[in-house]
Amino acid sequence: MVLVSGTKDYFLLQPKSKNESEWPKELFTPWVPFCNDFKNIWKKEVQRKIKLDLEAARKKVKDLQEAKKSSVMSEVVKVRSSRPSGLTQVA
C-alpha cells in the first residue's frame, strides 16, 4: 500500500474514496488503457521505422547495382573500341 500511496502523491492523485483499499483501483483504472494505447502506438511506430529503413536499404542496393552495372558497361565499351576489328586497322 506504501507504493500506491507514494505513486498517488507523485502524480498528485486526489482519491475519490477515503478508503485506502480502493486507491489502487482508482489509480490503475485510467493507467491500464493508457499503457495499452502506448504499447499499440509504439508497435506501429517501430513497424513504420523498420519499413522506412528497409526501403532506404533497398534504394541504396539498387543505386549500387546500377552504378556497378554502368561501370561494367563502360569497361566493355572501352575494351571493344580498343581492339582492332577490321583489315584496315590490323595493318
PDB file of N, CA and C in Angstrom:
ATOM      1  N   MET A   1       0.822  -1.185   0.000  1.00  0.00           N
ATOM      2  CA  MET A   1       0.000   0.000   0.000  1.00  0.00           C
ATOM      3  C   MET A   1       0.869   1.253   0.000  1.00  0.00           C
ATOM      4  N   VAL A   2       2.097   1.125   0.514  1.00  0.00           N
ATOM      5  CA  VAL A   2       3.008   2.266   0.551  1.00  0.00           C
ATOM      6  C   VAL A   2       3.357   2.696  -0.866  1.00  0.00           C
ATOM      7  N   LEU A   3       3.550   1.732  -1.752  1.00  0.00           N
ATOM      8  CA  LEU A   3       3.868   2.035  -3.143  1.00  0.00           C
ATOM      9  C   LEU A   3       2.737   2.806  -3.808  1.00  0.00           C
ATOM     10  N   VAL A   4       1.526   2.391  -3.588  1.00  0.00           N
ATOM     11  CA  VAL A   4       0.370   3.078  -4.162  1.00  0.00           C
ATOM     12  C   VAL A   4       0.258   4.478  -3.577  1.00  0.00           C
ATOM     13  N   SER A   5       0.503   4.614  -2.299  1.00  0.00           N
ATOM     14  CA  SER A   5       0.431   5.925  -1.653  1.00  0.00           C
ATOM     15  C   SER A   5       1.502   6.857  -2.216  1.00  0.00           C
ATOM     16  N   GLY A   6       2.713   6.349  -2.401  1.00  0.00           N
ATOM     17  CA  GLY A   6       3.790   7.153  -2.988  1.00  0.00           C
ATOM     18  C   GLY A   6       3.484   7.544  -4.421  1.00  0.00           C
ATOM     19  N   THR A   7       2.952   6.615  -5.190  1.00  0.00           N
ATOM     20  CA  THR A   7       2.574   6.896  -6.575  1.00  0.00           C
ATOM     21  C   THR A   7       1.446   7.910  -6.626  1.00  0.00           C
ATOM     22  N   LYS A   8       0.498   7.765  -5.738  1.00  0.00           N
ATOM     23  CA  LYS A   8      -0.624   8.713  -5.656  1.00  0.00           C
ATOM     24  C   LYS A   8      -0.105  10.121  -5.379  1.00  0.00           C
ATOM     25  N   ASP A   9       0.826  10.227  -4.447  1.00  0.00           N
ATOM     26  CA  ASP A   9       1.391  11.533  -4.108  1.00  0.00           C
ATOM     27  C   ASP A   9       2.212  12.098  -5.269  1.00  0.00           C
ATOM     28  N   TYR A  10       2.979  11.246  -5.943  1.00  0.00           N
ATOM     29  CA  TYR A  10       3.813  11.697  -7.056  1.00  0.00           C
ATOM     30  C   TYR A  10       2.968  12.278  -8.187  1.00  0.00           C
ATOM     31  N   PHE A  11       1.880  11.609  -8.546  1.00  0.00           N
ATOM     32  CA  PHE A  11       1.017  12.063  -9.634  1.00  0.00           C
ATOM     33  C   PHE A  11      -0.073  13.032  -9.161  1.00  0.00           C
ATOM     34  N   LEU A  12      -0.023  13.412  -7.903  1.00  0.00           N
ATOM     35  CA  LEU A  12      -0.991  14.357  -7.325  1.00  0.00           C
ATOM     36  C   LEU A  12      -2.426  13.877  -7.510  1.00  0.00           C
ATOM     37  N   LEU A  13      -2.618  12.583  -7.338  1.00  0.00           N
ATOM     38  CA  LEU A  13      -3.946  11.993  -7.473  1.00  0.00           C
ATOM     39  C   LEU A  13      -4.760  12.271  -6.221  1.00  0.00           C
ATOM     40  N   GLN A  14      -5.931  12.796  -6.412  1.00  0.00           N
ATOM     41  CA  GLN A  14      -6.847  13.026  -5.300  1.00  0.00           C
ATOM     42  C   GLN A  14      -7.888  11.909  -5.329  1.00  0.00           C
ATOM     43  N   PRO A  15      -7.747  10.924  -4.454  1.00  0.00           N
ATOM     44  CA  PRO A  15      -8.698   9.814  -4.474  1.00  0.00           C
ATOM     45  C   PRO A  15     -10.111  10.279  -4.128  1.00  0.00           C
ATOM     46  N   LYS A  16     -11.053   9.680  -4.815  1.00  0.00           N
ATOM     47  CA  LYS A  16     -12.463   9.999  -4.553  1.00  0.00           C
ATOM     48  C   LYS A  16     -12.941   9.313  -3.280  1.00  0.00           C
ATOM     49  N   SER A  17     -12.314   8.194  -2.999  1.00  0.00           N
ATOM     50  CA  SER A  17     -12.718   7.405  -1.840  1.00  0.00           C
ATOM     51  C   SER A  17     -11.781   7.699  -0.668  1.00  0.00           C
ATOM     52  N   LYS A  18     -12.306   7.664   0.497  1.00  0.00           N
ATOM     53  CA  LYS A  18     -11.486   7.821   1.706  1.00  0.00           C
ATOM     54  C   LYS A  18     -10.883   6.488   2.130  1.00  0.00           C
ATOM     55  N   ASN A  19     -11.398   5.406   1.563  1.00  0.00           N
ATOM     56  CA  ASN A  19     -10.934   4.069   1.891  1.00  0.00           C
ATOM     57  C   ASN A  19      -9.643   3.789   1.110  1.00  0.00           C
ATOM     58  N   GLU A  20      -8.529   3.574   1.810  1.00  0.00           N
ATOM     59  CA  GLU A  20      -7.237   3.361   1.161  1.00  0.00           C
ATOM     60  C   GLU A  20      -7.199   2.080   0.332  1.00  0.00           C
ATOM     61  N   SER A  21      -8.036   1.118   0.630  1.00  0.00           N
ATOM     62  CA  SER A  21      -8.021  -0.135  -0.128  1.00  0.00           C
ATOM     63  C   SER A  21      -8.578   0.055  -1.538  1.00  0.00           C
ATOM     64  N   GLU A  22      -9.291   1.131  -1.796  1.00  0.00           N
ATOM     65  CA  GLU A  22      -9.828   1.403  -3.135  1.00  0.00           C
ATOM     66  C   GLU A  22      -8.911   2.297  -3.970  1.00  0.00           C
ATOM     67  N   TRP A  23      -7.863   2.843  -3.386  1.00  0.00           N
ATOM     68  CA  TRP A  23      -6.966   3.727  -4.119  1.00  0.00           C
ATOM     69  C   TRP A  23      -6.273   3.040  -5.299  1.00  0.00           C
ATOM     70  N   PRO A  24      -5.803   1.791  -5.153  1.00  0.00           N
ATOM     71  CA  PRO A  24      -5.180   1.150  -6.316  1.00  0.00           C
ATOM     72  C   PRO A  24      -6.135   1.050  -7.506  1.00  0.00           C
ATOM     73  N   LYS A  25      -7.385   0.753  -7.236  1.00  0.00           N
ATOM     74  CA  LYS A  25      -8.362   0.657  -8.319  1.00  0.00           C
ATOM     75  C   LYS A  25      -8.521   2.016  -9.001  1.00  0.00           C
ATOM     76  N   GLU A  26      -8.580   3.083  -8.213  1.00  0.00           N
ATOM     77  CA  GLU A  26      -8.719   4.426  -8.777  1.00  0.00           C
ATOM     78  C   GLU A  26      -7.469   4.840  -9.551  1.00  0.00           C
ATOM     79  N   LEU A  27      -6.311   4.389  -9.087  1.00  0.00           N
ATOM     80  CA  LEU A  27      -5.060   4.730  -9.759  1.00  0.00           C
ATOM     81  C   LEU A  27      -4.905   3.979 -11.076  1.00  0.00           C
ATOM     82  N   PHE A  28      -5.204   2.687 -11.067  1.00  0.00           N
ATOM     83  CA  PHE A  28      -4.929   1.864 -12.240  1.00  0.00           C
ATOM     84  C   PHE A  28      -6.069   1.815 -13.245  1.00  0.00           C
ATOM     85  N   THR A  29      -7.230   2.320 -12.910  1.00  0.00           N
ATOM     86  CA  THR A  29      -8.338   2.334 -13.866  1.00  0.00           C
ATOM     87  C   THR A  29      -7.985   3.146 -15.113  1.00  0.00           C
ATOM     88  N   PRO A  30      -7.448   4.350 -15.019  1.00  0.00           N
ATOM     89  CA  PRO A  30      -7.042   5.057 -16.245  1.00  0.00           C
ATOM     90  C   PRO A  30      -5.667   4.616 -16.749  1.00  0.00           C
ATOM     91  N   TRP A  31      -4.849   4.025 -15.880  1.00  0.00           N
ATOM     92  CA  TRP A  31      -3.485   3.680 -16.248  1.00  0.00           C
ATOM     93  C   TRP A  31      -3.425   2.509 -17.230  1.00  0.00           C
ATOM     94  N   VAL A  32      -4.242   1.514 -17.057  1.00  0.00           N
ATOM     95  CA  VAL A  32      -4.214   0.326 -17.916  1.00  0.00           C
ATOM     96  C   VAL A  32      -4.558   0.670 -19.370  1.00  0.00           C
ATOM     97  N   PRO A  33      -5.626   1.427 -19.660  1.00  0.00           N
ATOM     98  CA  PRO A  33      -5.883   1.794 -21.055  1.00  0.00           C
ATOM     99  C   PRO A  33      -4.758   2.644 -21.657  1.00  0.00           C
ATOM    100  N   PHE A  34      -4.176   3.520 -20.839  1.00  0.00           N
ATOM    101  CA  PHE A  34      -3.052   4.321 -21.322  1.00  0.00           C
ATOM    102  C   PHE A  34      -1.888   3.427 -21.739  1.00  0.00           C
ATOM    103  N   CYS A  35      -1.564   2.452 -20.906  1.00  0.00           N
ATOM    104  CA  CYS A  35      -0.459   1.540 -21.223  1.00  0.00           C
ATOM    105  C   CYS A  35      -0.746   0.733 -22.487  1.00  0.00           C
ATOM    106  N   ASN A  36      -1.972   0.271 -22.649  1.00  0.00           N
ATOM    107  CA  ASN A  36      -2.331  -0.478 -23.856  1.00  0.00           C
ATOM    108  C   ASN A  36      -2.232   0.401 -25.098  1.00  0.00           C
ATOM    109  N   ASP A  37      -2.732   1.629 -25.011  1.00  0.00           N
ATOM    110  CA  ASP A  37      -2.634   2.547 -26.148  1.00  0.00           C
ATOM    111  C   ASP A  37      -1.177   2.839 -26.483  1.00  0.00           C
ATOM    112  N   PHE A  38      -0.377   3.085 -25.469  1.00  0.00           N
ATOM    113  CA  PHE A  38       1.039   3.370 -25.681  1.00  0.00           C
ATOM    114  C   PHE A  38       1.736   2.191 -26.349  1.00  0.00           C
ATOM    115  N   LYS A  39       1.436   0.978 -25.876  1.00  0.00           N
ATOM    116  CA  LYS A  39       2.043  -0.227 -26.450  1.00  0.00           C
ATOM    117  C   LYS A  39       1.678  -0.363 -27.924  1.00  0.00           C
ATOM    118  N   ASN A  40       0.405  -0.148 -28.260  1.00  0.00           N
ATOM    119  CA  ASN A  40      -0.036  -0.269 -29.650  1.00  0.00           C
ATOM    120  C   ASN A  40       0.610   0.790 -30.531  1.00  0.00           C
ATOM    121  N   ILE A  41       0.661   2.015 -30.053  1.00  0.00           N
ATOM    122  CA  ILE A  41       1.298   3.088 -30.827  1.00  0.00           C
ATOM    123  C   ILE A  41       2.783   2.804 -30.998  1.00  0.00           C
ATOM    124  N   TRP A  42       3.428   2.327 -29.953  1.00  0.00           N
ATOM    125  CA  TRP A  42       4.856   2.013 -30.015  1.00  0.00           C
ATOM    126  C   TRP A  42       5.122   0.932 -31.065  1.00  0.00           C
ATOM    127  N   LYS A  43       4.311  -0.119 -31.074  1.00  0.00           N
ATOM    128  CA  LYS A  43       4.490  -1.189 -32.058  1.00  0.00           C
ATOM    129  C   LYS A  43       4.328  -0.660 -33.481  1.00  0.00           C
ATOM    130  N   LYS A  44       3.325   0.196 -33.705  1.00  0.00           N
ATOM    131  CA  LYS A  44       3.108   0.761 -35.035  1.00  0.00           C
ATOM    132  C   LYS A  44       4.285   1.629 -35.461  1.00  0.00           C
ATOM    133  N   GLU A  45       4.816   2.414 -34.545  1.00  0.00           N
ATOM    134  CA  GLU A  45       5.951   3.276 -34.869  1.00  0.00           C
ATOM    135  C   GLU A  45       7.199   2.450 -35.169  1.00  0.00           C
ATOM    136  N   VAL A  46       7.401   1.381 -34.426  1.00  0.00           N
ATOM    137  CA  VAL A  46       8.546   0.509 -34.687  1.00  0.00           C
ATOM    138  C   VAL A  46       8.412  -0.125 -36.067  1.00  0.00           C
ATOM    139  N   GLN A  47       7.218  -0.603 -36.413  1.00  0.00           N
ATOM    140  CA  GLN A  47       6.996  -1.189 -37.733  1.00  0.00           C
ATOM    141  C   GLN A  47       7.203  -0.160 -38.840  1.00  0.00           C
ATOM    142  N   ARG A  48       6.746   1.076 -38.612  1.00  0.00           N
ATOM    143  CA  ARG A  48       6.925   2.143 -39.599  1.00  0.00           C
ATOM    144  C   ARG A  48       8.414   2.442 -39.798  1.00  0.00           C
ATOM    145  N   LYS A  49       9.173   2.481 -38.704  1.00  0.00           N
ATOM    146  CA  LYS A  49      10.611   2.745 -38.779  1.00  0.00           C
ATOM    147  C   LYS A  49      11.320   1.620 -39.513  1.00  0.00           C
ATOM    148  N   ILE A  50      10.950   0.388 -39.232  1.00  0.00           N
ATOM    149  CA  ILE A  50      11.556  -0.758 -39.918  1.00  0.00           C
ATOM    150  C   ILE A  50      11.269  -0.679 -41.411  1.00  0.00           C
ATOM    151  N   LYS A  51      10.040  -0.328 -41.770  1.00  0.00           N
ATOM    152  CA  LYS A  51       9.660  -0.227 -43.174  1.00  0.00           C
ATOM    153  C   LYS A  51      10.467   0.865 -43.873  1.00  0.00           C
ATOM    154  N   LEU A  52      10.626   2.020 -43.229  1.00  0.00           N
ATOM    155  CA  LEU A  52      11.410   3.104 -43.825  1.00  0.00           C
ATOM    156  C   LEU A  52      12.873   2.702 -43.991  1.00  0.00           C
ATOM    157  N   ASP A  53      13.438   2.041 -42.986  1.00  0.00           N
ATOM    158  CA  ASP A  53      14.825   1.594 -43.077  1.00  0.00           C
ATOM    159  C   ASP A  53      15.004   0.559 -44.180  1.00  0.00           C
ATOM    160  N   LEU A  54      14.034  -0.335 -44.325  1.00  0.00           N
ATOM    161  CA  LEU A  54      14.102  -1.349 -45.371  1.00  0.00           C
ATOM    162  C   LEU A  54      14.029  -0.711 -46.753  1.00  0.00           C
ATOM    163  N   GLU A  55      13.138   0.265 -46.915  1.00  0.00           N
ATOM    164  CA  GLU A  55      13.039   0.958 -48.200  1.00  0.00           C
ATOM    165  C   GLU A  55      14.333   1.700 -48.520  1.00  0.00           C
ATOM    166  N   ALA A  56      14.939   2.332 -47.525  1.00  0.00           N
ATOM    167  CA  ALA A  56      16.203   3.043 -47.736  1.00  0.00           C
ATOM    168  C   ALA A  56      17.311   2.066 -48.121  1.00  0.00           C
ATOM    169  N   ALA A  57      17.353   0.910 -47.475  1.00  0.00           N
ATOM    170  CA  ALA A  57      18.370  -0.095 -47.797  1.00  0.00           C
ATOM    171  C   ALA A  57      18.169  -0.636 -49.210  1.00  0.00           C
ATOM    172  N   ARG A  58      16.920  -0.886 -49.590  1.00  0.00           N
ATOM    173  CA  ARG A  58      16.651  -1.368 -50.951  1.00  0.00           C
ATOM    174  C   ARG A  58      17.063  -0.334 -51.993  1.00  0.00           C
ATOM    175  N   LYS A  59      16.789   0.939 -51.725  1.00  0.00           N
ATOM    176  CA  LYS A  59      17.159   2.002 -52.655  1.00  0.00           C
ATOM    177  C   LYS A  59      18.678   2.082 -52.788  1.00  0.00           C
ATOM    178  N   LYS A  60      19.381   1.961 -51.665  1.00  0.00           N
ATOM    179  CA  LYS A  60      20.837   2.018 -51.693  1.00  0.00           C
ATOM    180  C   LYS A  60      21.411   0.847 -52.490  1.00  0.00           C
ATOM    181  N   VAL A  61      20.873  -0.351 -52.283  1.00  0.00           N
ATOM    182  CA  VAL A  61      21.335  -1.526 -53.031  1.00  0.00           C
ATOM    183  C   VAL A  61      21.068  -1.335 -54.518  1.00  0.00           C
ATOM    184  N   LYS A  62      19.895  -0.822 -54.854  1.00  0.00           N
ATOM    185  CA  LYS A  62      19.552  -0.596 -56.257  1.00  0.00           C
ATOM    186  C   LYS A  62      20.504   0.418 -56.884  1.00  0.00           C
ATOM    187  N   ASP A  63      20.794   1.497 -56.170  1.00  0.00           N
ATOM    188  CA  ASP A  63      21.722   2.505 -56.686  1.00  0.00           C
ATOM    189  C   ASP A  63      23.116   1.923 -56.881  1.00  0.00           C
ATOM    190  N   LEU A  64      23.571   1.115 -55.922  1.00  0.00           N
ATOM    191  CA  LEU A  64      24.892   0.496 -56.047  1.00  0.00           C
ATOM    192  C   LEU A  64      24.937  -0.478 -57.223  1.00  0.00           C
ATOM    193  N   GLN A  65      23.860  -1.240 -57.416  1.00  0.00           N
ATOM    194  CA  GLN A  65      23.819  -2.174 -58.537  1.00  0.00           C
ATOM    195  C   GLN A  65      23.829  -1.431 -59.862  1.00  0.00           C
ATOM    196  N   GLU A  66      23.088  -0.331 -59.949  1.00  0.00           N
ATOM    197  CA  GLU A  66      23.073   0.455 -61.179  1.00  0.00           C
ATOM    198  C   GLU A  66      24.435   1.079 -61.445  1.00  0.00           C
ATOM    199  N   ALA A  67      25.102   1.563 -60.408  1.00  0.00           N
ATOM    200  CA  ALA A  67      26.430   2.148 -60.574  1.00  0.00           C
ATOM    201  C   ALA A  67      27.425   1.086 -61.035  1.00  0.00           C
ATOM    202  N   LYS A  68      27.351  -0.092 -60.441  1.00  0.00           N
ATOM    203  CA  LYS A  68      28.253  -1.175 -60.830  1.00  0.00           C
ATOM    204  C   LYS A  68      27.972  -1.604 -62.265  1.00  0.00           C
ATOM    205  N   LYS A  69      26.699  -1.703 -62.614  1.00  0.00           N
ATOM    206  CA  LYS A  69      26.316  -2.111 -63.964  1.00  0.00           C
ATOM    207  C   LYS A  69      26.807  -1.089 -64.986  1.00  0.00           C
ATOM    208  N   SER A  70      26.658   0.192 -64.692  1.00  0.00           N
ATOM    209  CA  SER A  70      27.090   1.219 -65.644  1.00  0.00           C
ATOM    210  C   SER A  70      28.608   1.241 -65.770  1.00  0.00           C
ATOM    211  N   SER A  71      29.336   0.996 -64.670  1.00  0.00           N
ATOM    212  CA  SER A  71      30.798   0.977 -64.759  1.00  0.00           C
ATOM    213  C   SER A  71      31.270  -0.241 -65.543  1.00  0.00           C
ATOM    214  N   VAL A  72      30.610  -1.386 -65.382  1.00  0.00           N
ATOM    215  CA  VAL A  72      30.961  -2.588 -66.140  1.00  0.00           C
ATOM    216  C   VAL A  72      30.670  -2.369 -67.618  1.00  0.00           C
ATOM    217  N   MET A  73      29.543  -1.746 -67.926  1.00  0.00           N
ATOM    218  CA  MET A  73      29.194  -1.491 -69.328  1.00  0.00           C
ATOM    219  C   MET A  73      30.188  -0.525 -69.962  1.00  0.00           C
ATOM    220  N   SER A  74      30.653   0.477 -69.235  1.00  0.00           N
ATOM    221  CA  SER A  74      31.627   1.409 -69.799  1.00  0.00           C
ATOM    222  C   SER A  74      32.956   0.703 -70.043  1.00  0.00           C
ATOM    223  N   GLU A  75      33.345  -0.253 -69.183  1.00  0.00           N
ATOM    224  CA  GLU A  75      34.564  -1.030 -69.397  1.00  0.00           C
ATOM    225  C   GLU A  75      34.427  -1.902 -70.639  1.00  0.00           C
ATOM    226  N   VAL A  76      33.254  -2.491 -70.843  1.00  0.00           N
ATOM    227  CA  VAL A  76      33.024  -3.331 -72.023  1.00  0.00           C
ATOM    228  C   VAL A  76      33.133  -2.482 -73.276  1.00  0.00           C
ATOM    229  N   VAL A  77      32.584  -1.305 -73.259  1.00  0.00           N
ATOM    230  CA  VAL A  77      32.653  -0.410 -74.415  1.00  0.00           C
ATOM    231  C   VAL A  77      34.096  -0.018 -74.682  1.00  0.00           C
ATOM    232  N   LYS A  78      34.894   0.255 -73.653  1.00  0.00           N
ATOM    233  CA  LYS A  78      36.302   0.617 -73.833  1.00  0.00           C
ATOM    234  C   LYS A  78      37.088  -0.544 -74.427  1.00  0.00           C
ATOM    235  N   VAL A  79      36.858  -1.758 -73.943  1.00  0.00           N
ATOM    236  CA  VAL A  79      37.576  -2.932 -74.438  1.00  0.00           C
ATOM    237  C   VAL A  79      37.218  -3.180 -75.891  1.00  0.00           C
ATOM    238  N   ARG A  80      35.959  -3.093 -76.239  1.00  0.00           N
ATOM    239  CA  ARG A  80      35.538  -3.346 -77.614  1.00  0.00           C
ATOM    240  C   ARG A  80      36.077  -2.281 -78.564  1.00  0.00           C
ATOM    241  N   SER A  81      36.133  -1.047 -78.148  1.00  0.00           N
ATOM    242  CA  SER A  81      36.585   0.012 -79.045  1.00  0.00           C
ATOM    243  C   SER A  81      38.100   0.023 -79.183  1.00  0.00           C
ATOM    244  N   SER A  82      38.849  -0.562 -78.253  1.00  0.00           N
ATOM    245  CA  SER A  82      40.305  -0.539 -78.337  1.00  0.00           C
ATOM    246  C   SER A  82      40.869  -1.719 -79.131  1.00  0.00           C
ATOM    247  N   ARG A  83      40.096  -2.763 -79.361  1.00  0.00           N
ATOM    248  CA  ARG A  83      40.585  -3.910 -80.124  1.00  0.00           C
ATOM    249  C   ARG A  83      40.479  -3.612 -81.622  1.00  0.00           C
ATOM    250  N   PRO A  84      41.495  -4.004 -82.389  1.00  0.00           N
ATOM    251  CA  PRO A  84      41.371  -3.863 -83.852  1.00  0.00           C
ATOM    252  C   PRO A  84      40.294  -4.813 -84.360  1.00  0.00           C
ATOM    253  N   SER A  85      39.438  -4.301 -85.213  1.00  0.00           N
ATOM    254  CA  SER A  85      38.330  -5.133 -85.640  1.00  0.00           C
ATOM    255  C   SER A  85      38.129  -5.105 -87.151  1.00  0.00           C
ATOM    256  N   GLY A  86      39.150  -4.927 -87.880  1.00  0.00           N
ATOM    257  CA  GLY A  86      38.969  -4.940 -89.326  1.00  0.00           C
ATOM    258  C   GLY A  86      40.313  -5.013 -90.038  1.00  0.00           C
ATOM    259  N   LEU A  87      40.278  -5.246 -91.350  1.00  0.00           N
ATOM    260  CA  LEU A  87      41.504  -5.352 -92.121  1.00  0.00           C
ATOM    261  C   LEU A  87      42.243  -4.019 -92.177  1.00  0.00           C
ATOM    262  N   THR A  88      41.539  -2.935 -92.167  1.00  0.00           N
ATOM    263  CA  THR A  88      42.201  -1.637 -92.274  1.00  0.00           C
ATOM    264  C   THR A  88      42.938  -1.271 -90.986  1.00  0.00           C
ATOM    265  N   GLN A  89      42.517  -1.758 -89.864  1.00  0.00           N
ATOM    266  CA  GLN A  89      43.165  -1.398 -88.602  1.00  0.00           C
ATOM    267  C   GLN A  89      44.285  -2.363 -88.234  1.00  0.00           C
ATOM    268  N   VAL A  90      44.314  -3.562 -88.792  1.00  0.00           N
ATOM    269  CA  VAL A  90      45.307  -4.570 -88.434  1.00  0.00           C
ATOM    270  C   VAL A  90      46.653  -4.219 -89.032  1.00  0.00           C
ATOM    271  N   ALA A  91      46.722  -3.746 -90.222  1.00  0.00           N
ATOM    272  CA  ALA A  91      47.977  -3.492 -90.916  1.00  0.00           C
ATOM    273  C   ALA A  91      48.657  -2.337 -90.319  1.00  0.00           C
TER     274      ALA A  91
END
